[in-house]
N, C-alpha and C. Protein backbone atom coordinates (compact mmCIF):
# COMPACT_ATOMS: atom_id res chain seq x y z
N MET A 1 -10.26 -12.83 -6.81
CA MET A 1 -8.92 -12.29 -6.75
C MET A 1 -8.97 -10.79 -7.01
N PHE A 2 -8.09 -10.07 -6.34
CA PHE A 2 -8.04 -8.63 -6.54
C PHE A 2 -6.59 -8.19 -6.66
N LEU A 3 -6.41 -7.00 -7.16
CA LEU A 3 -5.09 -6.42 -7.35
C LEU A 3 -4.98 -5.18 -6.48
N ILE A 4 -3.89 -5.08 -5.74
CA ILE A 4 -3.65 -3.88 -4.95
C ILE A 4 -2.33 -3.27 -5.41
N TYR A 5 -2.33 -1.99 -5.56
CA TYR A 5 -1.15 -1.26 -6.03
C TYR A 5 -0.78 -0.24 -4.96
N LEU A 6 0.40 -0.33 -4.40
CA LEU A 6 0.87 0.60 -3.38
C LEU A 6 1.91 1.52 -3.99
N THR A 7 1.78 2.80 -3.73
CA THR A 7 2.72 3.76 -4.29
C THR A 7 2.99 4.88 -3.29
N ASN A 8 4.10 5.52 -3.38
CA ASN A 8 4.40 6.65 -2.52
C ASN A 8 4.22 7.98 -3.24
N ILE A 9 3.55 7.96 -4.35
CA ILE A 9 3.33 9.16 -5.16
C ILE A 9 1.91 9.65 -4.94
N ILE A 10 1.75 10.92 -4.64
CA ILE A 10 0.43 11.51 -4.55
C ILE A 10 0.08 12.04 -5.93
N PHE A 11 -1.02 11.55 -6.46
CA PHE A 11 -1.41 11.90 -7.82
C PHE A 11 -2.24 13.17 -7.86
N ILE A 12 -2.03 13.96 -8.85
CA ILE A 12 -2.91 15.09 -9.14
C ILE A 12 -3.94 14.57 -10.12
N ILE A 13 -5.20 14.77 -9.80
CA ILE A 13 -6.27 14.26 -10.66
C ILE A 13 -6.17 14.95 -12.02
N GLN A 14 -5.98 14.15 -13.03
CA GLN A 14 -5.88 14.66 -14.38
C GLN A 14 -6.34 13.57 -15.34
N ALA A 15 -6.58 13.93 -16.55
CA ALA A 15 -7.00 12.96 -17.55
C ALA A 15 -5.88 11.96 -17.82
N ASN A 16 -6.24 10.71 -18.02
CA ASN A 16 -5.31 9.63 -18.36
C ASN A 16 -4.24 9.40 -17.29
N SER A 17 -4.62 9.40 -16.03
CA SER A 17 -3.65 9.14 -14.96
C SER A 17 -3.70 7.66 -14.57
N LEU A 18 -2.81 7.24 -13.72
CA LEU A 18 -2.78 5.86 -13.22
C LEU A 18 -4.09 5.51 -12.51
N LEU A 19 -4.74 6.49 -11.93
CA LEU A 19 -6.00 6.28 -11.22
C LEU A 19 -7.08 5.71 -12.14
N ASP A 20 -7.02 6.00 -13.41
CA ASP A 20 -8.02 5.53 -14.37
C ASP A 20 -8.02 4.01 -14.52
N ASN A 21 -6.92 3.35 -14.10
CA ASN A 21 -6.81 1.91 -14.26
C ASN A 21 -7.49 1.13 -13.13
N TYR A 22 -8.02 1.82 -12.12
CA TYR A 22 -8.57 1.16 -10.94
C TYR A 22 -9.98 1.64 -10.65
N GLU A 23 -10.78 0.75 -10.09
CA GLU A 23 -12.15 1.09 -9.74
C GLU A 23 -12.22 1.88 -8.44
N TYR A 24 -11.30 1.63 -7.52
CA TYR A 24 -11.35 2.24 -6.20
C TYR A 24 -9.95 2.64 -5.78
N VAL A 25 -9.77 3.88 -5.31
CA VAL A 25 -8.46 4.38 -4.92
C VAL A 25 -8.56 4.98 -3.52
N MET A 26 -7.57 4.69 -2.66
CA MET A 26 -7.55 5.23 -1.30
C MET A 26 -6.19 5.82 -1.00
N HIS A 27 -6.16 6.75 -0.05
CA HIS A 27 -4.93 7.37 0.41
C HIS A 27 -4.78 7.02 1.89
N GLY A 28 -3.61 6.55 2.30
CA GLY A 28 -3.45 6.15 3.69
C GLY A 28 -2.02 6.28 4.17
N ARG A 29 -1.77 5.69 5.36
CA ARG A 29 -0.46 5.77 5.99
C ARG A 29 -0.04 4.38 6.48
N VAL A 30 1.19 4.00 6.19
CA VAL A 30 1.77 2.74 6.69
C VAL A 30 2.20 2.98 8.13
N PHE A 31 1.71 2.14 9.07
CA PHE A 31 2.11 2.35 10.46
C PHE A 31 2.85 1.17 11.07
N SER A 32 2.98 0.07 10.36
CA SER A 32 3.73 -1.07 10.91
C SER A 32 4.20 -1.98 9.78
N ILE A 33 5.45 -2.40 9.88
CA ILE A 33 6.00 -3.41 8.98
C ILE A 33 6.73 -4.42 9.85
N LYS A 34 6.28 -5.67 9.80
CA LYS A 34 6.88 -6.73 10.62
C LYS A 34 7.37 -7.87 9.73
N HIS A 35 8.56 -8.36 10.03
CA HIS A 35 9.07 -9.55 9.35
C HIS A 35 8.50 -10.75 10.09
N ILE A 36 7.74 -11.60 9.40
CA ILE A 36 7.06 -12.70 10.09
C ILE A 36 7.73 -14.05 9.91
N GLU A 37 8.33 -14.32 8.79
CA GLU A 37 9.05 -15.57 8.58
C GLU A 37 9.80 -15.52 7.25
N LYS A 38 10.97 -16.07 7.24
CA LYS A 38 11.81 -16.09 6.03
C LYS A 38 11.77 -14.75 5.32
N GLN A 39 11.26 -14.71 4.11
CA GLN A 39 11.20 -13.48 3.32
C GLN A 39 9.79 -12.88 3.30
N ASN A 40 8.95 -13.24 4.27
CA ASN A 40 7.58 -12.73 4.32
C ASN A 40 7.46 -11.60 5.34
N VAL A 41 6.61 -10.63 5.01
CA VAL A 41 6.38 -9.49 5.90
C VAL A 41 4.88 -9.27 6.06
N GLU A 42 4.55 -8.51 7.10
CA GLU A 42 3.18 -8.08 7.35
C GLU A 42 3.20 -6.56 7.41
N VAL A 43 2.40 -5.93 6.57
CA VAL A 43 2.32 -4.47 6.51
C VAL A 43 0.94 -4.06 6.99
N GLN A 44 0.89 -3.11 7.91
CA GLN A 44 -0.38 -2.58 8.39
C GLN A 44 -0.46 -1.11 8.01
N ALA A 45 -1.61 -0.74 7.47
CA ALA A 45 -1.82 0.63 7.03
C ALA A 45 -3.21 1.10 7.45
N SER A 46 -3.35 2.40 7.56
CA SER A 46 -4.63 3.00 7.91
C SER A 46 -5.06 3.93 6.78
N PHE A 47 -6.30 3.79 6.39
CA PHE A 47 -6.87 4.64 5.35
C PHE A 47 -8.02 5.42 5.96
N GLY A 48 -7.70 6.46 6.73
CA GLY A 48 -8.71 7.27 7.38
C GLY A 48 -9.58 6.49 8.36
N GLY A 49 -8.99 5.56 9.08
CA GLY A 49 -9.74 4.75 10.05
C GLY A 49 -10.01 3.34 9.56
N LEU A 50 -9.95 3.11 8.26
CA LEU A 50 -10.09 1.77 7.71
C LEU A 50 -8.72 1.11 7.75
N LEU A 51 -8.59 0.06 8.57
CA LEU A 51 -7.29 -0.59 8.74
C LEU A 51 -7.12 -1.72 7.75
N CYS A 52 -5.90 -1.89 7.29
CA CYS A 52 -5.59 -2.91 6.29
C CYS A 52 -4.32 -3.63 6.71
N ARG A 53 -4.34 -4.97 6.68
CA ARG A 53 -3.15 -5.76 6.96
C ARG A 53 -2.87 -6.63 5.74
N LEU A 54 -1.68 -6.49 5.21
CA LEU A 54 -1.26 -7.27 4.04
C LEU A 54 -0.10 -8.15 4.42
N ARG A 55 -0.13 -9.38 3.98
CA ARG A 55 0.99 -10.30 4.20
C ARG A 55 1.47 -10.80 2.85
N GLY A 56 2.78 -10.86 2.71
CA GLY A 56 3.33 -11.32 1.45
C GLY A 56 4.84 -11.29 1.45
N GLU A 57 5.39 -11.45 0.28
CA GLU A 57 6.83 -11.49 0.13
C GLU A 57 7.44 -10.10 0.27
N GLN A 58 8.56 -10.05 0.94
CA GLN A 58 9.25 -8.79 1.20
C GLN A 58 9.60 -8.06 -0.10
N ALA A 59 9.90 -8.78 -1.13
CA ALA A 59 10.30 -8.17 -2.40
C ALA A 59 9.22 -7.26 -2.97
N HIS A 60 7.96 -7.51 -2.63
CA HIS A 60 6.86 -6.71 -3.18
C HIS A 60 6.65 -5.40 -2.43
N VAL A 61 7.22 -5.27 -1.24
CA VAL A 61 6.98 -4.06 -0.44
C VAL A 61 8.28 -3.40 0.04
N GLU A 62 9.38 -3.64 -0.65
CA GLU A 62 10.68 -3.11 -0.24
C GLU A 62 10.71 -1.59 -0.15
N SER A 63 9.92 -0.90 -0.96
CA SER A 63 9.99 0.57 -0.98
C SER A 63 9.13 1.22 0.09
N LEU A 64 8.36 0.44 0.84
CA LEU A 64 7.51 1.02 1.88
C LEU A 64 8.29 1.28 3.15
N ILE A 65 7.95 2.38 3.82
CA ILE A 65 8.56 2.70 5.11
C ILE A 65 7.46 3.11 6.08
N VAL A 66 7.70 2.96 7.38
CA VAL A 66 6.73 3.35 8.39
C VAL A 66 6.51 4.85 8.35
N ASP A 67 5.27 5.27 8.55
CA ASP A 67 4.81 6.67 8.48
C ASP A 67 4.80 7.20 7.07
N MET A 68 4.89 6.32 6.10
CA MET A 68 4.83 6.72 4.71
C MET A 68 3.38 7.01 4.32
N THR A 69 3.14 8.12 3.66
CA THR A 69 1.79 8.43 3.19
C THR A 69 1.70 8.20 1.71
């Protein structure tokens, strides 16, 4: 099991930041949000060529918008 944290805040590297809580951090862009069934959505994002597709409940990704970095 893994934990993914999506945010629309660009962090400035500093001591004791949110970045310290994670082993790996990436910066990317949301390019697609699709409603797939009931309250479930599919979010597609690109992290410098590395593509990611997440599926889950809409409530967890309500703040995401297309072209969001």
